[in-house]
Amino acid sequence: MRRGCAAGLLLVGVLALAAVAFGPRLVEEGMKLLYPRPYRDLVQREAAEFGLEEELVYGVIKAESGFDEDAQSHAGAHGLMQLTQETFDWIASLYPPEEGTGDIYDPAANLHCGCALLRLLLDQYGSLEVALAAYNAGMGSVDGWLQSGEYSHDGETLHTIPYPETEAYVDRVKKARDVYRRLYGQQGEA
């Protein structure tokens, strides 16, 4: 019995020393497991094509689908970047995917159209928060909010997002983007 306790205490001591000695590195590696970068070549290519920060694209994918290319939402959105078929078809008509099957579930086509939509929203609204709100709630909703003094003082930014789900989504994407920046080295603003 005493040998078992001694061995257990020794193991705890060794683990405690290892945590102190290697803790920051272990934490970083653990965080990379929680914030992976699958589809790296596709994300790099599409982010570059549309002038987007890779970490922002990863933040959107993580918040939207958790990297499940077969994801489907209750609102009828599909794929990695959770696009509705109507939005996917509209964006694909403006920016036809160069690679992939053209199917909404195809990672190459979905990432291409999702990045194109994100770029379009950033250009239209000029604000990351407003663009992300439009990505989640739709441009019609956001346009209405911007016209309402209840949600916007200047018609360009939102001081209040009336949909709690959309407000949480914007925060989730920005936090994920910031984690990706810390883990993988980007420090600039989107």
N, C-alpha and C. Protein backbone atom coordinates (compact mmCIF):
# COMPACT_ATOMS: atom_id res chain seq x y z
N MET A 1 0.83 -1.18 0.00
CA MET A 1 0.00 0.00 0.00
C MET A 1 0.87 1.25 0.00
N ARG A 2 1.92 1.25 0.83
CA ARG A 2 2.80 2.41 0.90
C ARG A 2 3.53 2.63 -0.41
N ARG A 3 3.95 1.56 -1.08
CA ARG A 3 4.64 1.71 -2.36
C ARG A 3 3.73 2.35 -3.40
N GLY A 4 2.45 1.95 -3.41
CA GLY A 4 1.49 2.53 -4.36
C GLY A 4 1.31 4.02 -4.11
N CYS A 5 1.22 4.42 -2.85
CA CYS A 5 1.08 5.84 -2.52
C CYS A 5 2.33 6.61 -2.91
N ALA A 6 3.48 6.01 -2.61
CA ALA A 6 4.74 6.67 -2.94
C ALA A 6 4.88 6.82 -4.45
N ALA A 7 4.55 5.78 -5.20
CA ALA A 7 4.64 5.84 -6.66
C ALA A 7 3.67 6.88 -7.20
N GLY A 8 2.47 6.93 -6.63
CA GLY A 8 1.47 7.92 -7.06
C GLY A 8 1.94 9.33 -6.79
N LEU A 9 2.50 9.54 -5.59
CA LEU A 9 3.01 10.87 -5.25
C LEU A 9 4.18 11.26 -6.14
N LEU A 10 5.03 10.30 -6.44
CA LEU A 10 6.16 10.55 -7.33
C LEU A 10 5.66 10.96 -8.73
N LEU A 11 4.65 10.24 -9.23
CA LEU A 11 4.08 10.55 -10.54
C LEU A 11 3.46 11.95 -10.54
N VAL A 12 2.73 12.29 -9.50
CA VAL A 12 2.14 13.62 -9.39
C VAL A 12 3.24 14.67 -9.38
N GLY A 13 4.31 14.41 -8.64
CA GLY A 13 5.42 15.35 -8.58
C GLY A 13 6.08 15.54 -9.93
N VAL A 14 6.30 14.46 -10.64
CA VAL A 14 6.92 14.53 -11.97
C VAL A 14 6.02 15.31 -12.92
N LEU A 15 4.70 15.03 -12.88
CA LEU A 15 3.75 15.74 -13.74
C LEU A 15 3.71 17.23 -13.39
N ALA A 16 3.78 17.55 -12.11
CA ALA A 16 3.77 18.96 -11.68
C ALA A 16 5.01 19.67 -12.19
N LEU A 17 6.18 19.02 -12.09
CA LEU A 17 7.41 19.61 -12.60
C LEU A 17 7.35 19.79 -14.12
N ALA A 18 6.80 18.79 -14.80
CA ALA A 18 6.68 18.88 -16.25
C ALA A 18 5.75 20.03 -16.65
N ALA A 19 4.67 20.20 -15.89
CA ALA A 19 3.73 21.28 -16.18
C ALA A 19 4.40 22.64 -16.00
N VAL A 20 5.22 22.77 -14.95
CA VAL A 20 5.92 24.02 -14.71
C VAL A 20 6.95 24.26 -15.80
N ALA A 21 7.70 23.22 -16.14
CA ALA A 21 8.77 23.36 -17.12
C ALA A 21 8.25 23.53 -18.54
N PHE A 22 7.22 22.80 -18.89
CA PHE A 22 6.74 22.80 -20.27
C PHE A 22 5.33 23.37 -20.41
N GLY A 23 4.79 23.93 -19.35
CA GLY A 23 3.40 24.39 -19.32
C GLY A 23 2.98 25.28 -20.47
N PRO A 24 3.68 26.38 -20.71
CA PRO A 24 3.23 27.27 -21.78
C PRO A 24 3.20 26.57 -23.14
N ARG A 25 4.18 25.76 -23.40
CA ARG A 25 4.23 25.03 -24.68
C ARG A 25 3.10 24.01 -24.76
N LEU A 26 2.83 23.31 -23.64
CA LEU A 26 1.73 22.35 -23.63
C LEU A 26 0.39 23.04 -23.81
N VAL A 27 0.23 24.18 -23.18
CA VAL A 27 -1.02 24.94 -23.33
C VAL A 27 -1.19 25.38 -24.78
N GLU A 28 -0.12 25.87 -25.39
CA GLU A 28 -0.20 26.30 -26.78
C GLU A 28 -0.56 25.14 -27.70
N GLU A 29 0.08 24.00 -27.50
CA GLU A 29 -0.23 22.83 -28.33
C GLU A 29 -1.67 22.36 -28.11
N GLY A 30 -2.13 22.43 -26.87
CA GLY A 30 -3.52 22.09 -26.59
C GLY A 30 -4.49 23.03 -27.28
N MET A 31 -4.16 24.31 -27.28
CA MET A 31 -5.01 25.31 -27.95
C MET A 31 -5.03 25.07 -29.46
N LYS A 32 -3.92 24.64 -30.01
CA LYS A 32 -3.89 24.36 -31.45
C LYS A 32 -4.78 23.18 -31.81
N LEU A 33 -4.97 22.26 -30.86
CA LEU A 33 -5.91 21.17 -31.09
C LEU A 33 -7.35 21.70 -31.11
N LEU A 34 -7.62 22.71 -30.28
CA LEU A 34 -8.96 23.29 -30.22
C LEU A 34 -9.20 24.27 -31.37
N TYR A 35 -8.12 24.85 -31.90
CA TYR A 35 -8.21 25.81 -33.00
C TYR A 35 -7.32 25.33 -34.15
N PRO A 36 -7.75 24.29 -34.83
CA PRO A 36 -6.94 23.73 -35.92
C PRO A 36 -7.03 24.56 -37.19
N ARG A 37 -6.21 24.19 -38.17
CA ARG A 37 -6.24 24.87 -39.47
C ARG A 37 -6.39 23.84 -40.60
N PRO A 38 -7.51 23.11 -40.61
CA PRO A 38 -7.72 22.20 -41.74
C PRO A 38 -7.99 23.00 -43.01
N TYR A 39 -7.91 22.34 -44.13
CA TYR A 39 -8.17 22.99 -45.43
C TYR A 39 -7.21 24.17 -45.64
N ARG A 40 -6.01 24.03 -45.14
CA ARG A 40 -5.07 25.15 -45.11
C ARG A 40 -4.78 25.72 -46.50
N ASP A 41 -4.54 24.86 -47.49
CA ASP A 41 -4.25 25.35 -48.83
C ASP A 41 -5.44 26.12 -49.41
N LEU A 42 -6.64 25.59 -49.20
CA LEU A 42 -7.84 26.26 -49.69
C LEU A 42 -8.05 27.61 -49.01
N VAL A 43 -7.88 27.63 -47.69
CA VAL A 43 -8.08 28.88 -46.95
C VAL A 43 -7.04 29.91 -47.38
N GLN A 44 -5.79 29.50 -47.51
CA GLN A 44 -4.75 30.44 -47.95
C GLN A 44 -5.08 31.01 -49.32
N ARG A 45 -5.46 30.15 -50.24
CA ARG A 45 -5.75 30.59 -51.61
C ARG A 45 -6.94 31.55 -51.65
N GLU A 46 -8.04 31.16 -51.00
CA GLU A 46 -9.25 31.99 -51.06
C GLU A 46 -9.09 33.29 -50.27
N ALA A 47 -8.43 33.23 -49.13
CA ALA A 47 -8.18 34.45 -48.36
C ALA A 47 -7.33 35.42 -49.19
N ALA A 48 -6.32 34.91 -49.85
CA ALA A 48 -5.47 35.78 -50.69
C ALA A 48 -6.26 36.34 -51.86
N GLU A 49 -7.07 35.51 -52.50
CA GLU A 49 -7.84 35.96 -53.66
C GLU A 49 -8.77 37.12 -53.30
N PHE A 50 -9.36 37.05 -52.11
CA PHE A 50 -10.34 38.06 -51.72
C PHE A 50 -9.80 39.07 -50.71
N GLY A 51 -8.48 39.06 -50.48
CA GLY A 51 -7.86 40.05 -49.60
C GLY A 51 -8.35 39.96 -48.17
N LEU A 52 -8.49 38.74 -47.68
CA LEU A 52 -8.95 38.51 -46.32
C LEU A 52 -7.83 37.95 -45.46
N GLU A 53 -7.88 38.23 -44.20
CA GLU A 53 -6.95 37.66 -43.24
C GLU A 53 -7.33 36.19 -43.02
N GLU A 54 -6.37 35.28 -43.17
CA GLU A 54 -6.64 33.85 -42.98
C GLU A 54 -7.27 33.58 -41.62
N GLU A 55 -6.79 34.26 -40.59
CA GLU A 55 -7.30 34.02 -39.25
C GLU A 55 -8.78 34.39 -39.13
N LEU A 56 -9.21 35.40 -39.88
CA LEU A 56 -10.62 35.76 -39.90
C LEU A 56 -11.43 34.66 -40.58
N VAL A 57 -10.94 34.15 -41.68
CA VAL A 57 -11.64 33.06 -42.38
C VAL A 57 -11.75 31.85 -41.47
N TYR A 58 -10.67 31.51 -40.79
CA TYR A 58 -10.73 30.38 -39.84
C TYR A 58 -11.72 30.66 -38.72
N GLY A 59 -11.77 31.91 -38.25
CA GLY A 59 -12.73 32.26 -37.21
C GLY A 59 -14.17 32.06 -37.66
N VAL A 60 -14.47 32.45 -38.91
CA VAL A 60 -15.81 32.26 -39.45
C VAL A 60 -16.13 30.78 -39.58
N ILE A 61 -15.20 30.01 -40.13
CA ILE A 61 -15.45 28.57 -40.31
C ILE A 61 -15.66 27.90 -38.96
N LYS A 62 -14.82 28.23 -37.98
CA LYS A 62 -14.97 27.61 -36.66
C LYS A 62 -16.32 27.94 -36.06
N ALA A 63 -16.75 29.21 -36.16
CA ALA A 63 -18.03 29.62 -35.59
C ALA A 63 -19.21 29.04 -36.38
N GLU A 64 -19.07 28.94 -37.68
CA GLU A 64 -20.18 28.50 -38.52
C GLU A 64 -20.40 26.99 -38.48
N SER A 65 -19.34 26.23 -38.71
CA SER A 65 -19.51 24.78 -38.91
C SER A 65 -18.61 23.92 -38.03
N GLY A 66 -17.68 24.55 -37.32
CA GLY A 66 -16.71 23.74 -36.56
C GLY A 66 -15.89 22.84 -37.47
N PHE A 67 -15.70 23.26 -38.74
CA PHE A 67 -14.91 22.55 -39.74
C PHE A 67 -15.58 21.28 -40.26
N ASP A 68 -16.90 21.19 -40.11
CA ASP A 68 -17.67 20.06 -40.64
C ASP A 68 -18.19 20.44 -42.02
N GLU A 69 -17.58 19.89 -43.07
CA GLU A 69 -17.97 20.26 -44.43
C GLU A 69 -19.39 19.80 -44.78
N ASP A 70 -19.95 18.89 -43.99
CA ASP A 70 -21.32 18.42 -44.22
C ASP A 70 -22.34 19.09 -43.29
N ALA A 71 -21.92 20.13 -42.58
CA ALA A 71 -22.79 20.78 -41.60
C ALA A 71 -24.03 21.37 -42.27
N GLN A 72 -25.15 21.28 -41.55
CA GLN A 72 -26.41 21.89 -41.98
C GLN A 72 -27.01 22.59 -40.77
N SER A 73 -27.47 23.81 -40.96
CA SER A 73 -28.07 24.55 -39.85
C SER A 73 -29.59 24.44 -39.91
N HIS A 74 -30.21 24.81 -38.80
CA HIS A 74 -31.67 24.84 -38.76
C HIS A 74 -32.24 25.89 -39.71
N ALA A 75 -31.41 26.86 -40.09
CA ALA A 75 -31.85 27.93 -41.00
C ALA A 75 -31.62 27.58 -42.47
N GLY A 76 -31.13 26.37 -42.74
CA GLY A 76 -30.92 25.94 -44.11
C GLY A 76 -29.58 26.32 -44.71
N ALA A 77 -28.59 26.59 -43.87
CA ALA A 77 -27.24 26.90 -44.35
C ALA A 77 -26.42 25.60 -44.40
N HIS A 78 -25.46 25.55 -45.32
CA HIS A 78 -24.75 24.31 -45.58
C HIS A 78 -23.24 24.53 -45.69
N GLY A 79 -22.50 23.49 -45.35
CA GLY A 79 -21.07 23.44 -45.60
C GLY A 79 -20.21 24.18 -44.59
N LEU A 80 -18.94 24.27 -44.91
CA LEU A 80 -17.95 24.84 -44.00
C LEU A 80 -18.30 26.27 -43.58
N MET A 81 -18.70 27.09 -44.53
CA MET A 81 -18.97 28.50 -44.22
C MET A 81 -20.45 28.80 -44.11
N GLN A 82 -21.27 27.74 -44.06
CA GLN A 82 -22.70 27.84 -43.78
C GLN A 82 -23.41 28.87 -44.65
N LEU A 83 -23.53 28.54 -45.92
CA LEU A 83 -24.23 29.38 -46.87
C LEU A 83 -25.56 28.73 -47.22
N THR A 84 -26.59 29.55 -47.39
CA THR A 84 -27.84 29.00 -47.91
C THR A 84 -27.63 28.73 -49.40
N GLN A 85 -28.44 27.86 -49.96
CA GLN A 85 -28.31 27.55 -51.39
C GLN A 85 -28.52 28.80 -52.23
N GLU A 86 -29.47 29.64 -51.84
CA GLU A 86 -29.75 30.89 -52.57
C GLU A 86 -28.52 31.81 -52.57
N THR A 87 -27.91 31.99 -51.40
CA THR A 87 -26.72 32.85 -51.29
C THR A 87 -25.56 32.24 -52.06
N PHE A 88 -25.36 30.93 -51.92
CA PHE A 88 -24.29 30.24 -52.64
C PHE A 88 -24.44 30.45 -54.15
N ASP A 89 -25.65 30.24 -54.67
CA ASP A 89 -25.89 30.39 -56.11
C ASP A 89 -25.65 31.83 -56.56
N TRP A 90 -26.10 32.80 -55.75
CA TRP A 90 -25.92 34.21 -56.09
C TRP A 90 -24.43 34.57 -56.15
N ILE A 91 -23.69 34.19 -55.10
CA ILE A 91 -22.25 34.51 -55.07
C ILE A 91 -21.51 33.76 -56.18
N ALA A 92 -21.88 32.50 -56.42
CA ALA A 92 -21.22 31.72 -57.48
C ALA A 92 -21.47 32.33 -58.85
N SER A 93 -22.61 33.01 -59.03
CA SER A 93 -22.88 33.68 -60.31
C SER A 93 -21.99 34.92 -60.47
N LEU A 94 -21.65 35.56 -59.36
CA LEU A 94 -20.77 36.74 -59.39
C LEU A 94 -19.30 36.36 -59.44
N TYR A 95 -18.94 35.33 -58.68
CA TYR A 95 -17.55 34.87 -58.54
C TYR A 95 -17.52 33.35 -58.72
N PRO A 96 -17.59 32.87 -59.96
CA PRO A 96 -17.64 31.42 -60.16
C PRO A 96 -16.42 30.71 -59.58
N PRO A 97 -16.64 29.64 -58.82
CA PRO A 97 -15.51 28.89 -58.27
C PRO A 97 -14.66 28.30 -59.40
N GLU A 98 -13.35 28.45 -59.27
CA GLU A 98 -12.43 27.93 -60.30
C GLU A 98 -12.17 26.44 -60.10
N GLU A 99 -12.33 25.98 -58.86
CA GLU A 99 -12.04 24.57 -58.55
C GLU A 99 -13.21 23.97 -57.81
N GLY A 100 -13.20 22.65 -57.73
CA GLY A 100 -14.25 21.96 -56.99
C GLY A 100 -15.42 21.60 -57.90
N THR A 101 -16.42 21.02 -57.30
CA THR A 101 -17.56 20.51 -58.06
C THR A 101 -18.62 21.57 -58.30
N GLY A 102 -18.55 22.69 -57.60
CA GLY A 102 -19.60 23.68 -57.69
C GLY A 102 -20.76 23.37 -56.77
N ASP A 103 -20.62 22.31 -55.99
CA ASP A 103 -21.64 21.90 -55.03
C ASP A 103 -21.44 22.66 -53.72
N ILE A 104 -22.51 23.02 -53.06
CA ILE A 104 -22.44 23.79 -51.83
C ILE A 104 -21.65 23.08 -50.73
N TYR A 105 -21.62 21.75 -50.76
CA TYR A 105 -20.88 20.98 -49.75
C TYR A 105 -19.41 20.76 -50.12
N ASP A 106 -19.05 21.07 -51.35
CA ASP A 106 -17.66 20.91 -51.76
C ASP A 106 -16.82 21.96 -51.05
N PRO A 107 -15.80 21.55 -50.27
CA PRO A 107 -15.02 22.53 -49.50
C PRO A 107 -14.44 23.66 -50.36
N ALA A 108 -13.92 23.35 -51.54
CA ALA A 108 -13.32 24.39 -52.38
C ALA A 108 -14.36 25.41 -52.82
N ALA A 109 -15.50 24.94 -53.29
CA ALA A 109 -16.55 25.86 -53.75
C ALA A 109 -17.16 26.63 -52.58
N ASN A 110 -17.38 25.96 -51.46
CA ASN A 110 -17.99 26.61 -50.30
C ASN A 110 -17.06 27.69 -49.74
N LEU A 111 -15.78 27.37 -49.61
CA LEU A 111 -14.82 28.36 -49.12
C LEU A 111 -14.71 29.53 -50.09
N HIS A 112 -14.69 29.24 -51.38
CA HIS A 112 -14.60 30.31 -52.38
C HIS A 112 -15.78 31.27 -52.25
N CYS A 113 -16.98 30.71 -52.22
CA CYS A 113 -18.18 31.56 -52.16
C CYS A 113 -18.31 32.23 -50.79
N GLY A 114 -17.93 31.55 -49.72
CA GLY A 114 -17.98 32.17 -48.39
C GLY A 114 -17.01 33.33 -48.28
N CYS A 115 -15.81 33.16 -48.81
CA CYS A 115 -14.82 34.25 -48.77
C CYS A 115 -15.26 35.40 -49.67
N ALA A 116 -15.84 35.09 -50.83
CA ALA A 116 -16.34 36.14 -51.72
C ALA A 116 -17.44 36.94 -51.02
N LEU A 117 -18.35 36.24 -50.34
CA LEU A 117 -19.42 36.92 -49.62
C LEU A 117 -18.85 37.79 -48.50
N LEU A 118 -17.90 37.26 -47.75
CA LEU A 118 -17.30 38.03 -46.67
C LEU A 118 -16.63 39.29 -47.20
N ARG A 119 -15.91 39.19 -48.31
CA ARG A 119 -15.27 40.36 -48.92
C ARG A 119 -16.31 41.38 -49.36
N LEU A 120 -17.38 40.90 -50.00
CA LEU A 120 -18.45 41.78 -50.46
C LEU A 120 -19.07 42.53 -49.27
N LEU A 121 -19.31 41.82 -48.17
CA LEU A 121 -19.91 42.45 -46.99
C LEU A 121 -18.96 43.45 -46.34
N LEU A 122 -17.68 43.12 -46.27
CA LEU A 122 -16.70 44.06 -45.71
C LEU A 122 -16.62 45.32 -46.56
N ASP A 123 -16.64 45.16 -47.88
CA ASP A 123 -16.60 46.32 -48.77
C ASP A 123 -17.88 47.15 -48.66
N GLN A 124 -19.00 46.48 -48.57
CA GLN A 124 -20.28 47.20 -48.51
C GLN A 124 -20.46 47.96 -47.21
N TYR A 125 -20.09 47.33 -46.09
CA TYR A 125 -20.37 47.94 -44.79
C TYR A 125 -19.18 48.67 -44.18
N GLY A 126 -17.96 48.33 -44.57
CA GLY A 126 -16.79 49.03 -44.07
C GLY A 126 -16.47 48.78 -42.60
N SER A 127 -17.14 47.85 -41.99
CA SER A 127 -16.94 47.54 -40.58
C SER A 127 -17.00 46.03 -40.41
N LEU A 128 -16.01 45.48 -39.72
CA LEU A 128 -15.99 44.03 -39.49
C LEU A 128 -17.23 43.58 -38.73
N GLU A 129 -17.60 44.31 -37.68
CA GLU A 129 -18.74 43.91 -36.87
C GLU A 129 -20.03 43.90 -37.68
N VAL A 130 -20.24 44.92 -38.49
CA VAL A 130 -21.45 45.01 -39.30
C VAL A 130 -21.44 43.93 -40.39
N ALA A 131 -20.28 43.71 -41.01
CA ALA A 131 -20.16 42.67 -42.03
C ALA A 131 -20.46 41.29 -41.45
N LEU A 132 -19.93 41.01 -40.26
CA LEU A 132 -20.20 39.71 -39.62
C LEU A 132 -21.67 39.58 -39.24
N ALA A 133 -22.26 40.67 -38.78
CA ALA A 133 -23.69 40.64 -38.45
C ALA A 133 -24.50 40.32 -39.71
N ALA A 134 -24.12 40.91 -40.84
CA ALA A 134 -24.82 40.65 -42.10
C ALA A 134 -24.58 39.22 -42.57
N TYR A 135 -23.39 38.70 -42.35
CA TYR A 135 -23.09 37.31 -42.73
C TYR A 135 -24.02 36.37 -41.97
N ASN A 136 -24.30 36.69 -40.72
CA ASN A 136 -25.13 35.84 -39.88
C ASN A 136 -26.62 36.09 -40.04
N ALA A 137 -27.03 37.33 -40.01
CA ALA A 137 -28.46 37.67 -39.98
C ALA A 137 -29.02 38.07 -41.34
N GLY A 138 -28.14 38.33 -42.30
CA GLY A 138 -28.58 38.73 -43.63
C GLY A 138 -28.46 40.23 -43.83
N MET A 139 -28.24 40.61 -45.06
CA MET A 139 -28.06 42.01 -45.40
C MET A 139 -29.34 42.81 -45.17
N GLY A 140 -30.49 42.23 -45.46
CA GLY A 140 -31.75 42.94 -45.25
C GLY A 140 -31.96 43.33 -43.81
N SER A 141 -31.68 42.41 -42.90
CA SER A 141 -31.81 42.71 -41.47
C SER A 141 -30.86 43.82 -41.07
N VAL A 142 -29.61 43.70 -41.47
CA VAL A 142 -28.60 44.69 -41.08
C VAL A 142 -28.91 46.06 -41.69
N ASP A 143 -29.35 46.09 -42.94
CA ASP A 143 -29.71 47.37 -43.55
C ASP A 143 -30.82 48.05 -42.75
N GLY A 144 -31.79 47.27 -42.29
CA GLY A 144 -32.86 47.82 -41.46
C GLY A 144 -32.35 48.34 -40.13
N TRP A 145 -31.44 47.61 -39.52
CA TRP A 145 -30.87 48.04 -38.24
C TRP A 145 -30.10 49.34 -38.40
N LEU A 146 -29.34 49.44 -39.51
CA LEU A 146 -28.55 50.66 -39.74
C LEU A 146 -29.43 51.88 -39.95
N GLN A 147 -30.62 51.68 -40.47
CA GLN A 147 -31.55 52.79 -40.70
C GLN A 147 -32.31 53.18 -39.44
N SER A 148 -32.22 52.35 -38.42
CA SER A 148 -32.97 52.59 -37.18
C SER A 148 -32.08 53.26 -36.14
N GLY A 149 -32.53 54.40 -35.62
CA GLY A 149 -31.80 55.06 -34.55
C GLY A 149 -31.73 54.22 -33.29
N GLU A 150 -32.56 53.22 -33.20
CA GLU A 150 -32.56 52.33 -32.04
C GLU A 150 -31.30 51.45 -32.01
N TYR A 151 -30.73 51.18 -33.19
CA TYR A 151 -29.58 50.28 -33.27
C TYR A 151 -28.32 50.94 -33.81
N SER A 152 -28.48 52.08 -34.49
CA SER A 152 -27.33 52.75 -35.10
C SER A 152 -27.49 54.26 -34.96
N HIS A 153 -26.45 54.93 -34.48
CA HIS A 153 -26.48 56.39 -34.35
C HIS A 153 -26.07 57.09 -35.64
N ASP A 154 -25.29 56.38 -36.49
CA ASP A 154 -24.73 57.04 -37.67
C ASP A 154 -25.10 56.39 -39.00
N GLY A 155 -25.86 55.30 -38.97
CA GLY A 155 -26.22 54.62 -40.21
C GLY A 155 -25.11 53.78 -40.80
N GLU A 156 -23.97 53.70 -40.10
CA GLU A 156 -22.83 52.93 -40.60
C GLU A 156 -22.36 51.86 -39.63
N THR A 157 -22.53 52.12 -38.34
CA THR A 157 -22.12 51.16 -37.32
C THR A 157 -23.32 50.80 -36.46
N LEU A 158 -23.21 49.68 -35.78
CA LEU A 158 -24.28 49.23 -34.90
C LEU A 158 -23.84 49.38 -33.45
N HIS A 159 -24.59 50.13 -32.66
CA HIS A 159 -24.29 50.19 -31.23
C HIS A 159 -25.02 49.07 -30.51
N THR A 160 -26.04 48.51 -31.14
CA THR A 160 -26.79 47.40 -30.58
C THR A 160 -27.14 46.44 -31.71
N ILE A 161 -26.94 45.16 -31.48
CA ILE A 161 -27.39 44.13 -32.41
C ILE A 161 -28.61 43.49 -31.77
N PRO A 162 -29.79 43.64 -32.38
CA PRO A 162 -31.02 43.21 -31.71
C PRO A 162 -31.21 41.70 -31.62
N TYR A 163 -30.50 40.93 -32.41
CA TYR A 163 -30.61 39.47 -32.34
C TYR A 163 -29.50 38.94 -31.42
N PRO A 164 -29.84 38.39 -30.27
CA PRO A 164 -28.80 37.85 -29.37
C PRO A 164 -27.91 36.81 -30.05
N GLU A 165 -28.49 35.99 -30.92
CA GLU A 165 -27.69 34.98 -31.63
C GLU A 165 -26.65 35.64 -32.51
N THR A 166 -27.03 36.72 -33.19
CA THR A 166 -26.10 37.43 -34.08
C THR A 166 -25.02 38.15 -33.28
N GLU A 167 -25.42 38.77 -32.17
CA GLU A 167 -24.44 39.43 -31.32
C GLU A 167 -23.41 38.42 -30.79
N ALA A 168 -23.89 37.26 -30.35
CA ALA A 168 -22.98 36.21 -29.87
C ALA A 168 -22.09 35.69 -31.00
N TYR A 169 -22.65 35.58 -32.19
CA TYR A 169 -21.90 35.12 -33.36
C TYR A 169 -20.73 36.07 -33.67
N VAL A 170 -21.02 37.37 -33.72
CA VAL A 170 -19.98 38.37 -34.00
C VAL A 170 -18.86 38.25 -32.97
N ASP A 171 -19.22 38.14 -31.70
CA ASP A 171 -18.21 38.00 -30.65
C ASP A 171 -17.41 36.71 -30.81
N ARG A 172 -18.09 35.61 -31.14
CA ARG A 172 -17.43 34.31 -31.30
C ARG A 172 -16.40 34.35 -32.43
N VAL A 173 -16.79 34.93 -33.55
CA VAL A 173 -15.87 35.01 -34.70
C VAL A 173 -14.66 35.86 -34.35
N LYS A 174 -14.88 37.01 -33.75
CA LYS A 174 -13.76 37.89 -33.41
C LYS A 174 -12.83 37.25 -32.39
N LYS A 175 -13.39 36.57 -31.40
CA LYS A 175 -12.55 35.88 -30.41
C LYS A 175 -11.76 34.75 -31.05
N ALA A 176 -12.40 33.98 -31.92
CA ALA A 176 -11.69 32.89 -32.61
C ALA A 176 -10.59 33.46 -33.49
N ARG A 177 -10.88 34.55 -34.21
CA ARG A 177 -9.86 35.19 -35.04
C ARG A 177 -8.66 35.60 -34.18
N ASP A 178 -8.94 36.19 -33.01
CA ASP A 178 -7.86 36.63 -32.13
C ASP A 178 -7.03 35.45 -31.61
N VAL A 179 -7.68 34.33 -31.31
CA VAL A 179 -6.95 33.14 -30.87
C VAL A 179 -6.08 32.64 -32.01
N TYR A 180 -6.62 32.58 -33.22
CA TYR A 180 -5.82 32.15 -34.37
C TYR A 180 -4.62 33.08 -34.57
N ARG A 181 -4.81 34.37 -34.39
CA ARG A 181 -3.68 35.30 -34.51
C ARG A 181 -2.60 34.98 -33.49
N ARG A 182 -3.01 34.78 -32.24
CA ARG A 182 -2.02 34.49 -31.18
C ARG A 182 -1.30 33.18 -31.43
N LEU A 183 -2.03 32.16 -31.85
CA LEU A 183 -1.42 30.85 -32.04
C LEU A 183 -0.54 30.75 -33.28
N TYR A 184 -0.92 31.47 -34.33
CA TYR A 184 -0.25 31.28 -35.61
C TYR A 184 0.47 32.52 -36.12
N GLY A 185 0.53 33.59 -35.30
CA GLY A 185 1.45 34.66 -35.59
C GLY A 185 0.95 35.95 -36.19
N GLN A 186 -0.30 36.10 -36.58
CA GLN A 186 -0.76 37.36 -37.14
C GLN A 186 -1.16 38.31 -36.01
N GLN A 187 -0.79 39.58 -36.16
CA GLN A 187 -1.13 40.56 -35.16
C GLN A 187 -1.88 41.76 -35.73
N GLY A 188 -2.08 41.84 -37.06
CA GLY A 188 -2.74 43.00 -37.66
C GLY A 188 -4.25 42.98 -37.50
N GLU A 189 -4.89 44.10 -37.79
CA GLU A 189 -6.36 44.21 -37.73
C GLU A 189 -6.94 43.79 -39.06
N ALA A 190 -8.18 43.30 -39.01
CA ALA A 190 -8.89 42.93 -40.25
C ALA A 190 -9.60 44.13 -40.82
